[in-house]
Amino acid sequence: MHGKTVDVEDVPGQFKDLLGRVMAGERIVLHKDNKPVAEMTPVIKRRAGLHAGAICTSGDFDEELPEKFWSGEM
């Protein structure tokens, strides 16, 4: 994802162009007084199962926690 820097004062006049660039995959960083204050990024659609098996939980994941946990003794 490539980036472009734009002063916030210039955004209103360039909004349609900036939005088109973001929709094409570009990242836009908005600056005020030469400091980054916000960014425009494309929305990334998530796809179920993309990283299947990357995370696993233990067999006791949903069991109650022991009293020692709640009393701070662990």
C-alpha atoms as a PDB file:
ATOM      1  CA  MET A   1       0.000   0.000   0.000  1.00  0.00           C
ATOM      2  CA  HIS A   2       1.613   3.260  -1.101  1.00  0.00           C
ATOM      3  CA  GLY A   3       1.179   6.486   0.829  1.00  0.00           C
ATOM      4  CA  LYS A   4       0.553  10.150   0.166  1.00  0.00           C
ATOM      5  CA  THR A   5       0.710  13.050   2.609  1.00  0.00           C
ATOM      6  CA  VAL A   6      -1.881  15.830   2.477  1.00  0.00           C
ATOM      7  CA  ASP A   7      -2.315  18.914   4.651  1.00  0.00           C
ATOM      8  CA  VAL A   8      -5.760  18.942   6.294  1.00  0.00           C
ATOM      9  CA  GLU A   9      -6.387  22.402   4.866  1.00  0.00           C
ATOM     10  CA  ASP A  10      -6.150  20.933   1.347  1.00  0.00           C
ATOM     11  CA  VAL A  11      -8.524  18.006   1.929  1.00  0.00           C
ATOM     12  CA  PRO A  12     -11.862  19.707   1.114  1.00  0.00           C
ATOM     13  CA  GLY A  13     -10.723  20.654  -2.377  1.00  0.00           C
ATOM     14  CA  GLN A  14      -9.193  17.244  -3.070  1.00  0.00           C
ATOM     15  CA  PHE A  15     -11.637  14.950  -1.280  1.00  0.00           C
ATOM     16  CA  LYS A  16     -13.053  13.176  -4.352  1.00  0.00           C
ATOM     17  CA  ASP A  17      -9.573  12.581  -5.736  1.00  0.00           C
ATOM     18  CA  LEU A  18      -8.277  11.370  -2.359  1.00  0.00           C
ATOM     19  CA  LEU A  19     -11.251   9.066  -1.922  1.00  0.00           C
ATOM     20  CA  GLY A  20     -10.653   7.590  -5.372  1.00  0.00           C
ATOM     21  CA  ARG A  21      -7.011   6.948  -4.488  1.00  0.00           C
ATOM     22  CA  VAL A  22      -7.989   5.264  -1.224  1.00  0.00           C
ATOM     23  CA  MET A  23     -10.529   3.095  -3.038  1.00  0.00           C
ATOM     24  CA  ALA A  24      -7.709   2.078  -5.385  1.00  0.00           C
ATOM     25  CA  GLY A  25      -5.707   0.862  -2.377  1.00  0.00           C
ATOM     26  CA  GLU A  26      -3.604   3.880  -1.463  1.00  0.00           C
ATOM     27  CA  ARG A  27      -3.052   5.107   2.106  1.00  0.00           C
ATOM     28  CA  ILE A  28      -3.434   8.866   2.674  1.00  0.00           C
ATOM     29  CA  VAL A  29      -1.886  10.496   5.772  1.00  0.00           C
ATOM     30  CA  LEU A  30      -3.421  13.808   6.815  1.00  0.00           C
ATOM     31  CA  HIS A  31      -1.090  16.365   8.392  1.00  0.00           C
ATOM     32  CA  LYS A  32      -1.690  19.564  10.345  1.00  0.00           C
ATOM     33  CA  ASP A  33       1.287  21.806  11.124  1.00  0.00           C
ATOM     34  CA  ASN A  34       3.560  19.133   9.607  1.00  0.00           C
ATOM     35  CA  LYS A  35       2.379  16.509  12.111  1.00  0.00           C
ATOM     36  CA  PRO A  36       0.312  13.439  11.171  1.00  0.00           C
ATOM     37  CA  VAL A  37      -3.179  13.611  12.683  1.00  0.00           C
ATOM     38  CA  ALA A  38      -5.221  11.042  10.758  1.00  0.00           C
ATOM     39  CA  GLU A  39      -5.127   8.631   7.870  1.00  0.00           C
ATOM     40  CA  MET A  40      -7.469   7.421   5.181  1.00  0.00           C
ATOM     41  CA  THR A  41      -7.069   3.733   4.390  1.00  0.00           C
ATOM     42  CA  PRO A  42      -9.051   1.291   2.291  1.00  0.00           C
ATOM     43  CA  VAL A  43     -11.449  -0.995   4.106  1.00  0.00           C
ATOM     44  CA  ILE A  44     -10.105  -4.518   4.047  1.00  0.00           C
ATOM     45  CA  LYS A  45     -12.762  -7.161   3.672  1.00  0.00           C
ATOM     46  CA  ARG A  46     -12.216 -10.125   5.945  1.00  0.00           C
ATOM     47  CA  ARG A  47     -12.613 -13.621   4.648  1.00  0.00           C
ATOM     48  CA  ALA A  48     -13.613 -16.420   7.024  1.00  0.00           C
ATOM     49  CA  GLY A  49     -11.137 -19.270   7.244  1.00  0.00           C
ATOM     50  CA  LEU A  50      -8.252 -17.313   5.785  1.00  0.00           C
ATOM     51  CA  HIS A  51      -5.919 -18.292   8.633  1.00  0.00           C
ATOM     52  CA  ALA A  52      -7.562 -21.519   9.741  1.00  0.00           C
ATOM     53  CA  GLY A  53      -5.500 -23.346  12.339  1.00  0.00           C
ATOM     54  CA  ALA A  54      -3.367 -20.321  13.209  1.00  0.00           C
ATOM     55  CA  ILE A  55      -4.897 -20.087  16.693  1.00  0.00           C
ATOM     56  CA  CYS A  56      -5.914 -22.885  19.008  1.00  0.00           C
ATOM     57  CA  THR A  57      -7.381 -23.005  22.498  1.00  0.00           C
ATOM     58  CA  SER A  58      -6.782 -25.515  25.255  1.00  0.00           C
ATOM     59  CA  GLY A  59      -9.362 -28.142  26.099  1.00  0.00           C
ATOM     60  CA  ASP A  60     -10.178 -26.396  29.395  1.00  0.00           C
ATOM     61  CA  PHE A  61     -10.693 -22.979  27.798  1.00  0.00           C
ATOM     62  CA  ASP A  62     -14.301 -22.585  28.947  1.00  0.00           C
ATOM     63  CA  GLU A  63     -13.936 -24.136  32.400  1.00  0.00           C
ATOM     64  CA  GLU A  64     -14.261 -22.003  35.530  1.00  0.00           C
ATOM     65  CA  LEU A  65     -11.087 -20.362  36.787  1.00  0.00           C
ATOM     66  CA  PRO A  66      -9.785 -21.586  40.148  1.00  0.00           C
ATOM     67  CA  GLU A  67     -10.376 -19.524  43.305  1.00  0.00           C
ATOM     68  CA  LYS A  68      -6.606 -18.845  43.464  1.00  0.00           C
ATOM     69  CA  PHE A  69      -6.945 -16.850  40.245  1.00  0.00           C
ATOM     70  CA  TRP A  70      -9.586 -14.533  41.708  1.00  0.00           C
ATOM     71  CA  SER A  71      -7.755 -14.054  45.031  1.00  0.00           C
ATOM     72  CA  GLY A  72      -4.483 -13.125  43.295  1.00  0.00           C
ATOM     73  CA  GLU A  73      -2.566 -16.118  44.638  1.00  0.00           C
ATOM     74  CA  MET A  74      -1.530 -17.364  41.196  1.00  0.00           C
END
